C-alpha atoms as a PDB file:
ATOM      1  CA  MET A   1       9.612   9.483  13.245  1.00  0.00           C
ATOM      2  CA  THR A   2      11.844  11.136  10.422  1.00  0.00           C
ATOM      3  CA  ARG A   3      12.432  14.180  12.633  1.00  0.00           C
ATOM      4  CA  SER A   4      13.188  12.116  15.583  1.00  0.00           C
ATOM      5  CA  ILE A   5      15.809  10.100  13.506  1.00  0.00           C
ATOM      6  CA  ALA A   6      17.230  13.254  12.373  1.00  0.00           C
ATOM      7  CA  GLN A   7      17.661  14.599  16.033  1.00  0.00           C
ATOM      8  CA  ARG A   8      18.671  11.208  17.716  1.00  0.00           C
ATOM      9  CA  PRO A   9      18.867   8.135  15.536  1.00  0.00           C
ATOM     10  CA  CYS A  10      18.457   4.940  17.444  1.00  0.00           C
ATOM     11  CA  VAL A  11      17.213   1.260  16.995  1.00  0.00           C
ATOM     12  CA  LEU A  12      13.882   1.854  18.338  1.00  0.00           C
ATOM     13  CA  ALA A  13      12.975   4.843  15.998  1.00  0.00           C
ATOM     14  CA  TYR A  14      14.248   3.044  12.999  1.00  0.00           C
ATOM     15  CA  TYR A  15      12.116   0.041  14.093  1.00  0.00           C
ATOM     16  CA  ILE A  16       9.088   2.113  14.422  1.00  0.00           C
ATOM     17  CA  ARG A  17       9.302   3.935  11.152  1.00  0.00           C
ATOM     18  CA  GLY A  18      10.079   0.573   9.256  1.00  0.00           C
ATOM     19  CA  GLN A  19       7.018  -0.854  10.735  1.00  0.00           C
ATOM     20  CA  ILE A  20       4.878   2.173   9.742  1.00  0.00           C
ATOM     21  CA  ASN A  21       6.202   1.776   6.222  1.00  0.00           C
ATOM     22  CA  LEU A  22       5.690  -1.933   5.964  1.00  0.00           C
ATOM     23  CA  TYR A  23       2.165  -2.190   7.569  1.00  0.00           C
ATOM     24  CA  PHE A  24       0.483   1.149   7.526  1.00  0.00           C
ATOM     25  CA  ASN A  25       1.017   2.643   4.041  1.00  0.00           C
ATOM     26  CA  ARG A  26       1.211  -0.340   1.762  1.00  0.00           C
ATOM     27  CA  ARG A  27      -1.849   0.068  -0.253  1.00  0.00           C
ATOM     28  CA  ILE A  28      -1.492   3.696  -1.356  1.00  0.00           C
ATOM     29  CA  PHE A  29       2.151   4.525  -1.006  1.00  0.00           C
ATOM     30  CA  ASN A  30       3.631   1.090  -1.197  1.00  0.00           C
ATOM     31  CA  ARG A  31       6.765   1.873   0.921  1.00  0.00           C
ATOM     32  CA  THR A  32       7.704  -1.728   1.525  1.00  0.00           C
ATOM     33  CA  SER A  33      11.315  -1.050   0.348  1.00  0.00           C
ATOM     34  CA  LYS A  34      11.707   1.986   2.626  1.00  0.00           C
ATOM     35  CA  GLY A  35      10.487  -0.116   5.487  1.00  0.00           C
ATOM     36  CA  VAL A  36      13.115  -2.930   4.883  1.00  0.00           C
ATOM     37  CA  ALA A  37      15.802  -0.234   4.467  1.00  0.00           C
ATOM     38  CA  ASP A  38      14.795   1.100   7.957  1.00  0.00           C
ATOM     39  CA  LEU A  39      14.630  -2.385   9.541  1.00  0.00           C
ATOM     40  CA  THR A  40      17.972  -3.180   8.213  1.00  0.00           C
ATOM     41  CA  GLN A  41      19.511   0.090   9.486  1.00  0.00           C
ATOM     42  CA  ALA A  42      18.028  -0.681  13.040  1.00  0.00           C
ATOM     43  CA  LEU A  43      19.839  -4.196  12.976  1.00  0.00           C
ATOM     44  CA  ALA A  44      23.013  -2.420  11.940  1.00  0.00           C
ATOM     45  CA  MET A  45      22.802   0.076  14.878  1.00  0.00           C
ATOM     46  CA  ALA A  46      21.652  -2.569  17.465  1.00  0.00           C
ATOM     47  CA  PRO A  47      24.387  -2.861  20.060  1.00  0.00           C
ATOM     48  CA  ALA A  48      25.175  -6.149  21.656  1.00  0.00           C
ATOM     49  CA  ASP A  49      23.038  -5.680  24.610  1.00  0.00           C
ATOM     50  CA  THR A  50      19.925  -5.096  22.541  1.00  0.00           C
ATOM     51  CA  GLN A  51      16.939  -7.105  24.106  1.00  0.00           C
ATOM     52  CA  ASP A  52      16.157 -10.165  22.468  1.00  0.00           C
ATOM     53  CA  VAL A  53      12.425  -9.317  22.155  1.00  0.00           C
ATOM     54  CA  LEU A  54      13.149  -6.352  20.042  1.00  0.00           C
ATOM     55  CA  LEU A  55      15.732  -8.017  17.783  1.00  0.00           C
ATOM     56  CA  ALA A  56      13.057 -10.680  17.340  1.00  0.00           C
ATOM     57  CA  ARG A  57      10.536  -8.077  16.353  1.00  0.00           C
ATOM     58  CA  ILE A  58      12.933  -6.349  13.891  1.00  0.00           C
ATOM     59  CA  TYR A  59      13.822  -9.759  12.352  1.00  0.00           C
ATOM     60  CA  THR A  60      10.248 -10.839  12.209  1.00  0.00           C
ATOM     61  CA  ALA A  61       9.164  -7.645  10.336  1.00  0.00           C
ATOM     62  CA  LEU A  62      12.266  -7.703   8.117  1.00  0.00           C
ATOM     63  CA  GLY A  63      11.308 -11.097   6.939  1.00  0.00           C
ATOM     64  CA  ASP A  64       7.805  -9.844   6.262  1.00  0.00           C
ATOM     65  CA  GLY A  65       9.034  -7.035   4.339  1.00  0.00           C
ATOM     66  CA  TYR A  66      11.283  -9.268   2.060  1.00  0.00           C
ATOM     67  CA  TYR A  67       8.211 -11.587   1.627  1.00  0.00           C
ATOM     68  CA  LYS A  68       6.168  -8.779   0.450  1.00  0.00           C
ATOM     69  CA  LEU A  69       9.129  -7.776  -1.975  1.00  0.00           C
ATOM     70  CA  GLY A  70       8.735 -11.083  -3.468  1.00  0.00           C
ATOM     71  CA  GLU A  71      12.008 -12.355  -2.063  1.00  0.00           C
ATOM     72  CA  PRO A  72      11.168 -15.473   0.075  1.00  0.00           C
ATOM     73  CA  ALA A  73      14.650 -16.870   0.314  1.00  0.00           C
ATOM     74  CA  LYS A  74      15.724 -13.469   2.140  1.00  0.00           C
ATOM     75  CA  ALA A  75      12.597 -13.606   4.373  1.00  0.00           C
ATOM     76  CA  HIS A  76      13.252 -17.038   5.618  1.00  0.00           C
ATOM     77  CA  ASP A  77      16.809 -15.993   6.549  1.00  0.00           C
ATOM     78  CA  ALA A  78      15.575 -12.877   8.354  1.00  0.00           C
ATOM     79  CA  TRP A  79      12.981 -15.054  10.248  1.00  0.00           C
ATOM     80  CA  SER A  80      15.578 -17.649  10.970  1.00  0.00           C
ATOM     81  CA  ALA A  81      17.970 -15.115  12.423  1.00  0.00           C
ATOM     82  CA  ALA A  82      15.704 -14.098  15.260  1.00  0.00           C
ATOM     83  CA  PRO A  83      17.080 -15.149  18.648  1.00  0.00           C
ATOM     84  CA  PRO A  84      16.305 -18.745  19.848  1.00  0.00           C
ATOM     85  CA  GLY A  85      12.857 -18.903  21.490  1.00  0.00           C
ATOM     86  CA  PHE A  86      11.546 -16.186  19.360  1.00  0.00           C
ATOM     87  CA  ARG A  87      11.759 -17.876  15.900  1.00  0.00           C
ATOM     88  CA  GLN A  88       8.755 -17.967  13.578  1.00  0.00           C
ATOM     89  CA  PRO A  89       7.389 -21.614  13.221  1.00  0.00           C
ATOM     90  CA  GLY A  90       7.985 -23.333   9.922  1.00  0.00           C
END
């Protein structure tokens, strides 16, 4: 994904790399902060016409990342920022 981002940065590429950093490398490499950075970049790059489903997935993963970093207030804010109809319960 890093090479793909270097060639053509896009929202989907940052989202996928953020997901990988959050969920697949957490025990050995603990790259949660890198995952949060990628997901934040994905949101910053998202054009106004980005599908709500993708935005919801980004916000959900970002909230999970903040929660794993021990920042529950930021996690709640990220989860709450998801488009209506896609928000996490609670």
